[in-house]
Amino acid sequence: IWDACREMLRQASQMFVTAGHRFNRMNAELAHGQVALYAGDFDSALEHFSESAALARRFQHHTAETASYGLLARTYQRAANSDLAIENAELVLAKLEQYKPKDFKGSRAPFWAPAMALGALVHAELVGGERALRALGDLRSVMVHRELPLCEYALRICFARIDDLAEDTGKCRKNLGEAWRVYRRASLRDRPPEIDQTLWDWSLAAARRAGIETGFGSTRGDAKDEVEAPACEIRSLGQLSVLLAGRPVSDRDWRGKTTRRLLARLLVADGKLIPRERVEADLWPDANASSARNSMNVGLSRLRNVMEPRRRKGCLLYTSPSP
């Protein structure tokens, strides 16, 4: 189905080029990128979002340009390119800081608002939530249009996640409650394109922890179809990701690529004991023994902080000599 959708969008984009319908072509590029992102084809998604951003810049569709940057930021984040993710997220925040509430009235901006909020979320996850909160500010209320339930749901999920990162429990719970109320009221059946699987899983788990009805089983775990989030879930297809009690570990918490690489190497062992020296040689082949040992110690410490964030500091880790 993805291939069929993408072929239709490719033909539509070409038709709009021939007809000189630049606005429709920009929309087709955005849609094509979202379909590619949904299918996990990051390279294709980046290509189409970059094209939509270029078209929006050329024709001065500022809100569409901001939305394109937001989608580029999330795609780069999912492709494990934090630098370019932050770069595009900062473009989103710079645009949002210039907008006034009137810019979201009587235009197509509400359709693109979820992708803008997504860009702010990427910045909050990778850098911290303070600037994202400031940039959104008073725009939150005017970005939401109740006549567009899918957009409102996506927006409120992004807002809730940013509030969660800022440790504002009250606002997070309020936005989660509104998001799932919209979802049930409008009888939505799937997630919007701006809400990827990681964010969707977080929203479900966070709603259940807060006792918010989602329509996907009981919030209290007493229904037969309730599926509780596992204590730890590791996903190795595409970018390696970890969810703890349904909450995704952010790129900021990983503190670089080394921690992920160490976890991936241990996963490959499939539960078997492997000598420490072998892991050091695999991950740091060009380093001398002392440097590799130090890197390993740092990696293990960071990995434990990721996997056991609430462990008691100073507890002992017993190991046995390498076989």
C-alpha atoms as a PDB file:
ATOM      1  CA  ILE A   1       0.000   0.000   0.000  1.00  0.00           C
ATOM      2  CA  TRP A   2       2.898   2.379   0.737  1.00  0.00           C
ATOM      3  CA  ASP A   3       4.377   1.893  -2.723  1.00  0.00           C
ATOM      4  CA  ALA A   4       1.000   2.588  -4.325  1.00  0.00           C
ATOM      5  CA  CYS A   5       0.500   5.759  -2.278  1.00  0.00           C
ATOM      6  CA  ARG A   6       3.965   7.020  -3.087  1.00  0.00           C
ATOM      7  CA  GLU A   7       3.530   6.366  -6.809  1.00  0.00           C
ATOM      8  CA  MET A   8       0.257   8.302  -6.799  1.00  0.00           C
ATOM      9  CA  LEU A   9       1.908  11.214  -5.004  1.00  0.00           C
ATOM     10  CA  ARG A  10       4.859  11.153  -7.409  1.00  0.00           C
ATOM     11  CA  GLN A  11       2.475  11.373 -10.352  1.00  0.00           C
ATOM     12  CA  ALA A  12       0.492  14.136  -8.648  1.00  0.00           C
ATOM     13  CA  SER A  13       3.651  16.155  -7.997  1.00  0.00           C
ATOM     14  CA  GLN A  14       4.711  15.806 -11.624  1.00  0.00           C
ATOM     15  CA  MET A  15       1.256  16.842 -12.805  1.00  0.00           C
ATOM     16  CA  PHE A  16       1.378  19.973 -10.622  1.00  0.00           C
ATOM     17  CA  VAL A  17       4.821  20.815 -12.035  1.00  0.00           C
ATOM     18  CA  THR A  18       3.463  20.560 -15.569  1.00  0.00           C
ATOM     19  CA  ALA A  19       0.375  22.606 -14.708  1.00  0.00           C
ATOM     20  CA  GLY A  20       2.380  25.211 -12.785  1.00  0.00           C
ATOM     21  CA  HIS A  21       0.378  24.626  -9.579  1.00  0.00           C
ATOM     22  CA  ARG A  22       3.224  25.384  -7.191  1.00  0.00           C
ATOM     23  CA  PHE A  23       1.124  25.400  -4.005  1.00  0.00           C
ATOM     24  CA  ASN A  24      -0.376  21.979  -4.757  1.00  0.00           C
ATOM     25  CA  ARG A  25       3.046  20.629  -5.641  1.00  0.00           C
ATOM     26  CA  MET A  26       4.387  21.797  -2.270  1.00  0.00           C
ATOM     27  CA  ASN A  27       1.518  20.014  -0.519  1.00  0.00           C
ATOM     28  CA  ALA A  28       2.194  16.860  -2.554  1.00  0.00           C
ATOM     29  CA  GLU A  29       5.865  16.930  -1.516  1.00  0.00           C
ATOM     30  CA  LEU A  30       4.881  17.273   2.141  1.00  0.00           C
ATOM     31  CA  ALA A  31       2.398  14.407   1.854  1.00  0.00           C
ATOM     32  CA  HIS A  32       4.939  12.242   0.004  1.00  0.00           C
ATOM     33  CA  GLY A  33       7.481  12.854   2.750  1.00  0.00           C
ATOM     34  CA  GLN A  34       4.973  11.928   5.449  1.00  0.00           C
ATOM     35  CA  VAL A  35       4.096   8.673   3.703  1.00  0.00           C
ATOM     36  CA  ALA A  36       7.807   7.841   3.337  1.00  0.00           C
ATOM     37  CA  LEU A  37       8.399   8.644   7.020  1.00  0.00           C
ATOM     38  CA  TYR A  38       5.436   6.487   8.028  1.00  0.00           C
ATOM     39  CA  ALA A  39       6.984   3.628   6.040  1.00  0.00           C
ATOM     40  CA  GLY A  40      10.405   4.159   7.660  1.00  0.00           C
ATOM     41  CA  ASP A  41      12.136   5.367   4.470  1.00  0.00           C
ATOM     42  CA  PHE A  42      14.123   8.215   6.027  1.00  0.00           C
ATOM     43  CA  ASP A  43      16.171   9.073   2.917  1.00  0.00           C
ATOM     44  CA  SER A  44      13.068   9.538   0.780  1.00  0.00           C
ATOM     45  CA  ALA A  45      11.303  11.487   3.533  1.00  0.00           C
ATOM     46  CA  LEU A  46      14.265  13.858   3.876  1.00  0.00           C
ATOM     47  CA  GLU A  47      14.326  14.406   0.117  1.00  0.00           C
ATOM     48  CA  HIS A  48      10.647  15.352  -0.064  1.00  0.00           C
ATOM     49  CA  PHE A  49      10.610  17.498   3.080  1.00  0.00           C
ATOM     50  CA  SER A  50      13.677  19.360   1.810  1.00  0.00           C
ATOM     51  CA  GLU A  51      11.893  19.974  -1.505  1.00  0.00           C
ATOM     52  CA  SER A  52       8.747  21.233   0.248  1.00  0.00           C
ATOM     53  CA  ALA A  53      10.863  23.569   2.400  1.00  0.00           C
ATOM     54  CA  ALA A  54      12.628  24.923  -0.699  1.00  0.00           C
ATOM     55  CA  LEU A  55       9.312  25.510  -2.479  1.00  0.00           C
ATOM     56  CA  ALA A  56       7.818  27.209   0.579  1.00  0.00           C
ATOM     57  CA  ARG A  57      10.840  29.508   0.884  1.00  0.00           C
ATOM     58  CA  ARG A  58      10.702  30.375  -2.801  1.00  0.00           C
ATOM     59  CA  PHE A  59       7.030  31.330  -2.692  1.00  0.00           C
ATOM     60  CA  GLN A  60       7.116  32.748   0.869  1.00  0.00           C
ATOM     61  CA  HIS A  61       4.663  30.287   2.430  1.00  0.00           C
ATOM     62  CA  HIS A  62       6.140  30.849   5.875  1.00  0.00           C
ATOM     63  CA  THR A  63       3.965  28.461   7.870  1.00  0.00           C
ATOM     64  CA  ALA A  64       4.490  25.650   5.353  1.00  0.00           C
ATOM     65  CA  GLU A  65       8.221  26.308   5.490  1.00  0.00           C
ATOM     66  CA  THR A  66       8.163  26.030   9.291  1.00  0.00           C
ATOM     67  CA  ALA A  67       6.180  22.791   9.075  1.00  0.00           C
ATOM     68  CA  SER A  68       8.741  21.364   6.631  1.00  0.00           C
ATOM     69  CA  TYR A  69      11.554  22.170   9.061  1.00  0.00           C
ATOM     70  CA  GLY A  70       9.629  20.455  11.849  1.00  0.00           C
ATOM     71  CA  LEU A  71       9.234  17.276   9.818  1.00  0.00           C
ATOM     72  CA  LEU A  72      12.892  17.416   8.754  1.00  0.00           C
ATOM     73  CA  ALA A  73      13.903  17.726  12.409  1.00  0.00           C
ATOM     74  CA  ARG A  74      11.896  14.651  13.441  1.00  0.00           C
ATOM     75  CA  THR A  75      13.159  12.624  10.487  1.00  0.00           C
ATOM     76  CA  TYR A  76      16.785  13.456  11.242  1.00  0.00           C
ATOM     77  CA  GLN A  77      16.160  12.592  14.899  1.00  0.00           C
ATOM     78  CA  ARG A  78      14.736   9.202  13.975  1.00  0.00           C
ATOM     79  CA  ALA A  79      17.672   8.650  11.603  1.00  0.00           C
ATOM     80  CA  ALA A  80      20.045   9.268  14.566  1.00  0.00           C
ATOM     81  CA  ASN A  81      21.461  12.514  13.143  1.00  0.00           C
ATOM     82  CA  SER A  82      21.078  14.724  16.204  1.00  0.00           C
ATOM     83  CA  ASP A  83      23.085  17.653  14.827  1.00  0.00           C
ATOM     84  CA  LEU A  84      20.840  18.166  11.787  1.00  0.00           C
ATOM     85  CA  ALA A  85      17.756  17.431  13.895  1.00  0.00           C
ATOM     86  CA  ILE A  86      18.699  20.262  16.273  1.00  0.00           C
ATOM     87  CA  GLU A  87      19.593  22.557  13.367  1.00  0.00           C
ATOM     88  CA  ASN A  88      16.140  22.166  11.804  1.00  0.00           C
ATOM     89  CA  ALA A  89      14.380  22.324  15.165  1.00  0.00           C
ATOM     90  CA  GLU A  90      16.085  25.652  15.850  1.00  0.00           C
ATOM     91  CA  LEU A  91      14.780  26.949  12.519  1.00  0.00           C
ATOM     92  CA  VAL A  92      11.286  26.028  13.714  1.00  0.00           C
ATOM     93  CA  LEU A  93      11.742  27.850  17.018  1.00  0.00           C
ATOM     94  CA  ALA A  94      13.166  30.926  15.282  1.00  0.00           C
ATOM     95  CA  LYS A  95      10.049  31.064  13.090  1.00  0.00           C
ATOM     96  CA  LEU A  96       7.662  30.496  16.004  1.00  0.00           C
ATOM     97  CA  GLU A  97       9.326  33.303  17.952  1.00  0.00           C
ATOM     98  CA  GLN A  98       8.445  35.678  15.108  1.00  0.00           C
ATOM     99  CA  TYR A  99       4.804  34.618  14.734  1.00  0.00           C
ATOM    100  CA  LYS A 100       1.876  36.496  16.219  1.00  0.00           C
ATOM    101  CA  PRO A 101      -1.480  34.910  17.130  1.00  0.00           C
ATOM    102  CA  LYS A 102      -3.097  36.601  14.093  1.00  0.00           C
ATOM    103  CA  ASP A 103      -0.812  34.558  11.810  1.00  0.00           C
ATOM    104  CA  PHE A 104      -2.847  31.465  12.711  1.00  0.00           C
ATOM    105  CA  LYS A 105      -6.221  32.946  11.829  1.00  0.00           C
ATOM    106  CA  GLY A 106      -7.844  32.752   8.415  1.00  0.00           C
ATOM    107  CA  SER A 107      -5.030  30.779   6.779  1.00  0.00           C
ATOM    108  CA  ARG A 108      -3.879  27.218   6.224  1.00  0.00           C
ATOM    109  CA  ALA A 109      -1.535  27.482   9.208  1.00  0.00           C
ATOM    110  CA  PRO A 110      -3.727  25.216  11.410  1.00  0.00           C
ATOM    111  CA  PHE A 111      -3.101  22.317   9.008  1.00  0.00           C
ATOM    112  CA  TRP A 112       0.658  22.760   9.423  1.00  0.00           C
ATOM    113  CA  ALA A 113       0.637  23.563  13.132  1.00  0.00           C
ATOM    114  CA  PRO A 114       1.219  19.928  14.282  1.00  0.00           C
ATOM    115  CA  ALA A 115       4.452  19.713  12.292  1.00  0.00           C
ATOM    116  CA  MET A 116       5.591  23.015  13.826  1.00  0.00           C
ATOM    117  CA  ALA A 117       4.882  21.677  17.321  1.00  0.00           C
ATOM    118  CA  LEU A 118       6.748  18.510  16.383  1.00  0.00           C
ATOM    119  CA  GLY A 119       9.832  20.581  15.586  1.00  0.00           C
ATOM    120  CA  ALA A 120       9.573  22.269  18.982  1.00  0.00           C
ATOM    121  CA  LEU A 121       9.285  18.837  20.588  1.00  0.00           C
ATOM    122  CA  VAL A 122      12.459  17.625  18.861  1.00  0.00           C
ATOM    123  CA  HIS A 123      14.316  20.599  20.336  1.00  0.00           C
ATOM    124  CA  ALA A 124      12.861  19.872  23.778  1.00  0.00           C
ATOM    125  CA  GLU A 125      13.948  16.209  23.590  1.00  0.00           C
ATOM    126  CA  LEU A 126      17.472  16.893  22.327  1.00  0.00           C
ATOM    127  CA  VAL A 127      18.349  20.212  23.993  1.00  0.00           C
ATOM    128  CA  GLY A 128      15.785  20.926  26.708  1.00  0.00           C
ATOM    129  CA  GLY A 129      12.259  22.263  26.910  1.00  0.00           C
ATOM    130  CA  GLU A 130      12.800  25.849  28.076  1.00  0.00           C
ATOM    131  CA  ARG A 131      13.146  27.516  24.662  1.00  0.00           C
ATOM    132  CA  ALA A 132      10.386  25.384  23.140  1.00  0.00           C
ATOM    133  CA  LEU A 133       8.001  26.481  25.890  1.00  0.00           C
ATOM    134  CA  ARG A 134       8.900  30.130  25.337  1.00  0.00           C
ATOM    135  CA  ALA A 135       8.565  29.886  21.551  1.00  0.00           C
ATOM    136  CA  LEU A 136       5.132  28.271  21.750  1.00  0.00           C
ATOM    137  CA  GLY A 137       3.949  30.600  24.509  1.00  0.00           C
ATOM    138  CA  ASP A 138       0.615  32.237  23.680  1.00  0.00           C
ATOM    139  CA  LEU A 139       0.543  30.539  20.270  1.00  0.00           C
ATOM    140  CA  ARG A 140      -0.709  27.286  21.812  1.00  0.00           C
ATOM    141  CA  SER A 141      -4.318  28.415  22.040  1.00  0.00           C
ATOM    142  CA  VAL A 142      -4.502  29.816  18.489  1.00  0.00           C
ATOM    143  CA  MET A 143      -2.701  26.848  16.925  1.00  0.00           C
ATOM    144  CA  VAL A 144      -5.547  24.547  17.988  1.00  0.00           C
ATOM    145  CA  HIS A 145      -8.645  24.456  15.763  1.00  0.00           C
ATOM    146  CA  ARG A 146     -11.456  22.282  17.078  1.00  0.00           C
ATOM    147  CA  GLU A 147     -12.863  21.860  13.565  1.00  0.00           C
ATOM    148  CA  LEU A 148      -9.727  19.819  12.727  1.00  0.00           C
ATOM    149  CA  PRO A 149      -9.755  16.963  15.268  1.00  0.00           C
ATOM    150  CA  LEU A 150      -6.796  15.063  13.800  1.00  0.00           C
ATOM    151  CA  CYS A 151      -4.652  18.220  13.932  1.00  0.00           C
ATOM    152  CA  GLU A 152      -5.877  19.080  17.428  1.00  0.00           C
ATOM    153  CA  TYR A 153      -5.060  15.585  18.670  1.00  0.00           C
ATOM    154  CA  ALA A 154      -1.527  15.727  17.213  1.00  0.00           C
ATOM    155  CA  LEU A 155      -0.925  19.207  18.628  1.00  0.00           C
ATOM    156  CA  ARG A 156      -2.041  18.303  22.120  1.00  0.00           C
ATOM    157  CA  ILE A 157       0.101  15.168  22.175  1.00  0.00           C
ATOM    158  CA  CYS A 158       3.150  17.263  21.208  1.00  0.00           C
ATOM    159  CA  PHE A 159       2.254  19.867  23.839  1.00  0.00           C
ATOM    160  CA  ALA A 160       1.819  17.160  26.476  1.00  0.00           C
ATOM    161  CA  ARG A 161       5.194  15.601  25.697  1.00  0.00           C
ATOM    162  CA  ILE A 162       6.933  19.003  25.897  1.00  0.00           C
ATOM    163  CA  ASP A 163       5.204  19.661  29.241  1.00  0.00           C
ATOM    164  CA  ASP A 164       6.284  16.217  30.407  1.00  0.00           C
ATOM    165  CA  LEU A 165       9.916  16.973  29.548  1.00  0.00           C
ATOM    166  CA  ALA A 166       9.570  20.273  31.424  1.00  0.00           C
ATOM    167  CA  GLU A 167       8.188  18.284  34.407  1.00  0.00           C
ATOM    168  CA  ASP A 168       4.944  20.271  34.380  1.00  0.00           C
ATOM    169  CA  THR A 169       2.671  17.418  35.415  1.00  0.00           C
ATOM    170  CA  GLY A 170      -0.490  19.507  35.524  1.00  0.00           C
ATOM    171  CA  LYS A 171      -0.249  20.852  31.975  1.00  0.00           C
ATOM    172  CA  CYS A 172       0.907  17.487  30.657  1.00  0.00           C
ATOM    173  CA  ARG A 173      -2.131  15.741  32.123  1.00  0.00           C
ATOM    174  CA  LYS A 174      -4.476  18.465  30.854  1.00  0.00           C
ATOM    175  CA  ASN A 175      -3.205  18.218  27.276  1.00  0.00           C
ATOM    176  CA  LEU A 176      -3.223  14.419  27.363  1.00  0.00           C
ATOM    177  CA  GLY A 177      -6.806  14.436  28.594  1.00  0.00           C
ATOM    178  CA  GLU A 178      -7.871  16.860  25.859  1.00  0.00           C
ATOM    179  CA  ALA A 179      -6.014  14.866  23.197  1.00  0.00           C
ATOM    180  CA  TRP A 180      -7.704  11.581  24.030  1.00  0.00           C
ATOM    181  CA  ARG A 181     -11.094  13.277  24.488  1.00  0.00           C
ATOM    182  CA  VAL A 182     -10.776  14.597  20.915  1.00  0.00           C
ATOM    183  CA  TYR A 183      -9.672  11.158  19.718  1.00  0.00           C
ATOM    184  CA  ARG A 184     -12.741   9.463  21.203  1.00  0.00           C
ATOM    185  CA  ARG A 185     -15.213  12.229  20.308  1.00  0.00           C
ATOM    186  CA  ALA A 186     -14.168  12.281  16.641  1.00  0.00           C
ATOM    187  CA  SER A 187     -14.023   8.459  16.501  1.00  0.00           C
ATOM    188  CA  LEU A 188     -10.465   8.579  15.163  1.00  0.00           C
ATOM    189  CA  ARG A 189      -9.032   5.188  14.273  1.00  0.00           C
ATOM    190  CA  ASP A 190      -5.344   5.819  13.665  1.00  0.00           C
ATOM    191  CA  ARG A 191      -2.532   8.168  14.573  1.00  0.00           C
ATOM    192  CA  PRO A 192      -1.903  11.311  12.519  1.00  0.00           C
ATOM    193  CA  PRO A 193       1.247  11.410  10.372  1.00  0.00           C
ATOM    194  CA  GLU A 194       3.073  13.734  12.789  1.00  0.00           C
ATOM    195  CA  ILE A 195       2.716  11.201  15.625  1.00  0.00           C
ATOM    196  CA  ASP A 196       5.238   8.418  15.038  1.00  0.00           C
ATOM    197  CA  GLN A 197       5.195   5.087  16.838  1.00  0.00           C
ATOM    198  CA  THR A 198       7.466   6.223  19.673  1.00  0.00           C
ATOM    199  CA  LEU A 199       5.322   9.264  20.452  1.00  0.00           C
ATOM    200  CA  TRP A 200       2.136   7.221  20.081  1.00  0.00           C
ATOM    201  CA  ASP A 201       3.405   4.610  22.560  1.00  0.00           C
ATOM    202  CA  TRP A 202       4.400   7.330  25.012  1.00  0.00           C
ATOM    203  CA  SER A 203       0.971   8.973  24.787  1.00  0.00           C
ATOM    204  CA  LEU A 204      -0.820   5.692  25.472  1.00  0.00           C
ATOM    205  CA  ALA A 205       1.417   4.765  28.402  1.00  0.00           C
ATOM    206  CA  ALA A 206       1.296   8.278  29.896  1.00  0.00           C
ATOM    207  CA  ALA A 207      -2.502   8.390  29.605  1.00  0.00           C
ATOM    208  CA  ARG A 208      -2.849   5.049  31.344  1.00  0.00           C
ATOM    209  CA  ARG A 209      -0.529   6.133  34.154  1.00  0.00           C
ATOM    210  CA  ALA A 210      -2.653   9.266  34.597  1.00  0.00           C
ATOM    211  CA  GLY A 211      -5.920   7.303  34.520  1.00  0.00           C
ATOM    212  CA  ILE A 212      -7.058   8.923  31.272  1.00  0.00           C
ATOM    213  CA  GLU A 213      -9.450   6.948  29.089  1.00  0.00           C
ATOM    214  CA  THR A 214      -7.989   6.291  25.643  1.00  0.00           C
ATOM    215  CA  GLY A 215     -10.472   3.847  24.158  1.00  0.00           C
ATOM    216  CA  PHE A 216      -7.750   1.190  23.978  1.00  0.00           C
ATOM    217  CA  GLY A 217      -8.689  -0.940  26.961  1.00  0.00           C
ATOM    218  CA  SER A 218      -9.197  -0.034  30.605  1.00  0.00           C
ATOM    219  CA  THR A 219      -7.102   2.681  32.222  1.00  0.00           C
ATOM    220  CA  ARG A 220      -6.912   0.599  35.408  1.00  0.00           C
ATOM    221  CA  GLY A 221      -5.801  -2.670  33.890  1.00  0.00           C
ATOM    222  CA  ASP A 222      -8.961  -4.586  34.798  1.00  0.00           C
ATOM    223  CA  ALA A 223     -10.129  -5.237  31.222  1.00  0.00           C
ATOM    224  CA  LYS A 224      -9.213  -8.321  29.263  1.00  0.00           C
ATOM    225  CA  ASP A 225      -7.896  -6.345  26.309  1.00  0.00           C
ATOM    226  CA  GLU A 226      -5.620  -4.138  28.423  1.00  0.00           C
ATOM    227  CA  VAL A 227      -1.974  -4.377  27.418  1.00  0.00           C
ATOM    228  CA  GLU A 228       0.357  -2.894  30.013  1.00  0.00           C
ATOM    229  CA  ALA A 229       3.555  -1.285  28.853  1.00  0.00           C
ATOM    230  CA  PRO A 230       6.488  -3.611  29.624  1.00  0.00           C
ATOM    231  CA  ALA A 231       9.063  -2.459  32.162  1.00  0.00           C
ATOM    232  CA  CYS A 232      11.653  -2.332  29.408  1.00  0.00           C
ATOM    233  CA  GLU A 233      11.161  -2.569  25.657  1.00  0.00           C
ATOM    234  CA  ILE A 234      14.074  -2.498  23.208  1.00  0.00           C
ATOM    235  CA  ARG A 235      13.491  -1.941  19.488  1.00  0.00           C
ATOM    236  CA  SER A 236      16.334  -2.812  17.170  1.00  0.00           C
ATOM    237  CA  LEU A 237      14.739  -2.349  13.727  1.00  0.00           C
ATOM    238  CA  GLY A 238      15.877   0.982  12.321  1.00  0.00           C
ATOM    239  CA  GLN A 239      17.327   3.229  15.006  1.00  0.00           C
ATOM    240  CA  LEU A 240      17.952   1.394  18.284  1.00  0.00           C
ATOM    241  CA  SER A 241      15.470   2.717  20.833  1.00  0.00           C
ATOM    242  CA  VAL A 242      14.532   1.862  24.410  1.00  0.00           C
ATOM    243  CA  LEU A 243      11.220   2.411  26.196  1.00  0.00           C
ATOM    244  CA  LEU A 244      11.104   2.198  29.994  1.00  0.00           C
ATOM    245  CA  ALA A 245       7.556   1.651  31.282  1.00  0.00           C
ATOM    246  CA  GLY A 246       6.322   2.962  27.941  1.00  0.00           C
ATOM    247  CA  ARG A 247       8.417   6.133  28.081  1.00  0.00           C
ATOM    248  CA  PRO A 248      11.026   6.457  25.283  1.00  0.00           C
ATOM    249  CA  VAL A 249      14.601   7.220  26.284  1.00  0.00           C
ATOM    250  CA  SER A 250      15.438  10.530  24.594  1.00  0.00           C
ATOM    251  CA  ASP A 251      18.578  11.226  22.575  1.00  0.00           C
ATOM    252  CA  ARG A 252      19.582  13.634  25.301  1.00  0.00           C
ATOM    253  CA  ASP A 253      19.537  10.822  27.906  1.00  0.00           C
ATOM    254  CA  TRP A 254      21.735   8.602  25.722  1.00  0.00           C
ATOM    255  CA  ARG A 255      24.488  11.262  25.867  1.00  0.00           C
ATOM    256  CA  GLY A 256      26.061  10.361  22.547  1.00  0.00           C
ATOM    257  CA  LYS A 257      26.334   7.373  20.238  1.00  0.00           C
ATOM    258  CA  THR A 258      28.701   5.292  22.385  1.00  0.00           C
ATOM    259  CA  THR A 259      26.006   4.241  24.851  1.00  0.00           C
ATOM    260  CA  ARG A 260      23.722   3.011  22.062  1.00  0.00           C
ATOM    261  CA  ARG A 261      26.614   1.180  20.362  1.00  0.00           C
ATOM    262  CA  LEU A 262      27.510  -0.566  23.620  1.00  0.00           C
ATOM    263  CA  LEU A 263      23.911  -1.690  24.153  1.00  0.00           C
ATOM    264  CA  ALA A 264      23.703  -2.919  20.554  1.00  0.00           C
ATOM    265  CA  ARG A 265      26.919  -4.935  21.003  1.00  0.00           C
ATOM    266  CA  LEU A 266      25.570  -6.559  24.168  1.00  0.00           C
ATOM    267  CA  LEU A 267      22.274  -7.360  22.455  1.00  0.00           C
ATOM    268  CA  VAL A 268      24.111  -9.139  19.646  1.00  0.00           C
ATOM    269  CA  ALA A 269      25.605 -11.471  22.263  1.00  0.00           C
ATOM    270  CA  ASP A 270      22.046 -12.729  22.905  1.00  0.00           C
ATOM    271  CA  GLY A 271      22.577 -13.268  26.631  1.00  0.00           C
ATOM    272  CA  LYS A 272      25.917 -15.063  26.307  1.00  0.00           C
ATOM    273  CA  LEU A 273      28.933 -14.005  28.337  1.00  0.00           C
ATOM    274  CA  ILE A 274      31.523 -12.160  26.279  1.00  0.00           C
ATOM    275  CA  PRO A 275      34.959 -11.033  27.443  1.00  0.00           C
ATOM    276  CA  ARG A 276      35.205  -7.357  28.204  1.00  0.00           C
ATOM    277  CA  GLU A 277      38.352  -7.158  26.068  1.00  0.00           C
ATOM    278  CA  ARG A 278      36.428  -8.403  23.027  1.00  0.00           C
ATOM    279  CA  VAL A 279      33.777  -5.696  23.430  1.00  0.00           C
ATOM    280  CA  GLU A 280      36.482  -3.050  23.797  1.00  0.00           C
ATOM    281  CA  ALA A 281      38.210  -4.288  20.634  1.00  0.00           C
ATOM    282  CA  ASP A 282      34.940  -4.314  18.695  1.00  0.00           C
ATOM    283  CA  LEU A 283      33.869  -0.805  19.708  1.00  0.00           C
ATOM    284  CA  TRP A 284      37.249   0.942  19.877  1.00  0.00           C
ATOM    285  CA  PRO A 285      39.522  -0.974  17.473  1.00  0.00           C
ATOM    286  CA  ASP A 286      41.977   1.899  16.998  1.00  0.00           C
ATOM    287  CA  ALA A 287      42.392   2.786  20.680  1.00  0.00           C
ATOM    288  CA  ASN A 288      45.110   1.453  22.959  1.00  0.00           C
ATOM    289  CA  ALA A 289      44.138  -0.829  25.835  1.00  0.00           C
ATOM    290  CA  SER A 290      44.048   1.946  28.443  1.00  0.00           C
ATOM    291  CA  SER A 291      41.884   4.289  26.337  1.00  0.00           C
ATOM    292  CA  ALA A 292      39.522   1.472  25.366  1.00  0.00           C
ATOM    293  CA  ARG A 293      39.165   0.479  29.034  1.00  0.00           C
ATOM    294  CA  ASN A 294      38.340   4.055  30.038  1.00  0.00           C
ATOM    295  CA  SER A 295      35.820   4.383  27.190  1.00  0.00           C
ATOM    296  CA  MET A 296      34.236   1.123  28.271  1.00  0.00           C
ATOM    297  CA  ASN A 297      33.914   2.333  31.866  1.00  0.00           C
ATOM    298  CA  VAL A 298      32.253   5.559  30.726  1.00  0.00           C
ATOM    299  CA  GLY A 299      29.947   3.663  28.374  1.00  0.00           C
ATOM    300  CA  LEU A 300      28.894   1.196  31.066  1.00  0.00           C
ATOM    301  CA  SER A 301      28.198   3.990  33.532  1.00  0.00           C
ATOM    302  CA  ARG A 302      26.052   5.874  31.037  1.00  0.00           C
ATOM    303  CA  LEU A 303      24.250   2.701  29.975  1.00  0.00           C
ATOM    304  CA  ARG A 304      23.374   1.914  33.577  1.00  0.00           C
ATOM    305  CA  ASN A 305      22.059   5.460  34.024  1.00  0.00           C
ATOM    306  CA  VAL A 306      19.860   4.947  30.947  1.00  0.00           C
ATOM    307  CA  MET A 307      18.579   1.492  31.872  1.00  0.00           C
ATOM    308  CA  GLU A 308      18.350   2.055  35.642  1.00  0.00           C
ATOM    309  CA  PRO A 309      17.602   5.770  36.053  1.00  0.00           C
ATOM    310  CA  ARG A 310      16.286   5.320  39.598  1.00  0.00           C
ATOM    311  CA  ARG A 311      18.959   3.001  40.920  1.00  0.00           C
ATOM    312  CA  ARG A 312      20.502   3.883  44.238  1.00  0.00           C
ATOM    313  CA  LYS A 313      23.767   5.733  43.675  1.00  0.00           C
ATOM    314  CA  GLY A 314      26.826   3.927  44.922  1.00  0.00           C
ATOM    315  CA  CYS A 315      25.371   0.440  44.565  1.00  0.00           C
ATOM    316  CA  LEU A 316      27.838  -2.256  43.527  1.00  0.00           C
ATOM    317  CA  LEU A 317      28.031  -4.085  40.208  1.00  0.00           C
ATOM    318  CA  TYR A 318      29.620  -7.508  40.604  1.00  0.00           C
ATOM    319  CA  THR A 319      31.529  -8.900  37.664  1.00  0.00           C
ATOM    320  CA  SER A 320      33.586 -12.016  37.079  1.00  0.00           C
ATOM    321  CA  PRO A 321      36.945 -12.227  35.327  1.00  0.00           C
ATOM    322  CA  SER A 322      36.870 -12.635  31.561  1.00  0.00           C
ATOM    323  CA  PRO A 323      36.833 -16.355  30.613  1.00  0.00           C
END
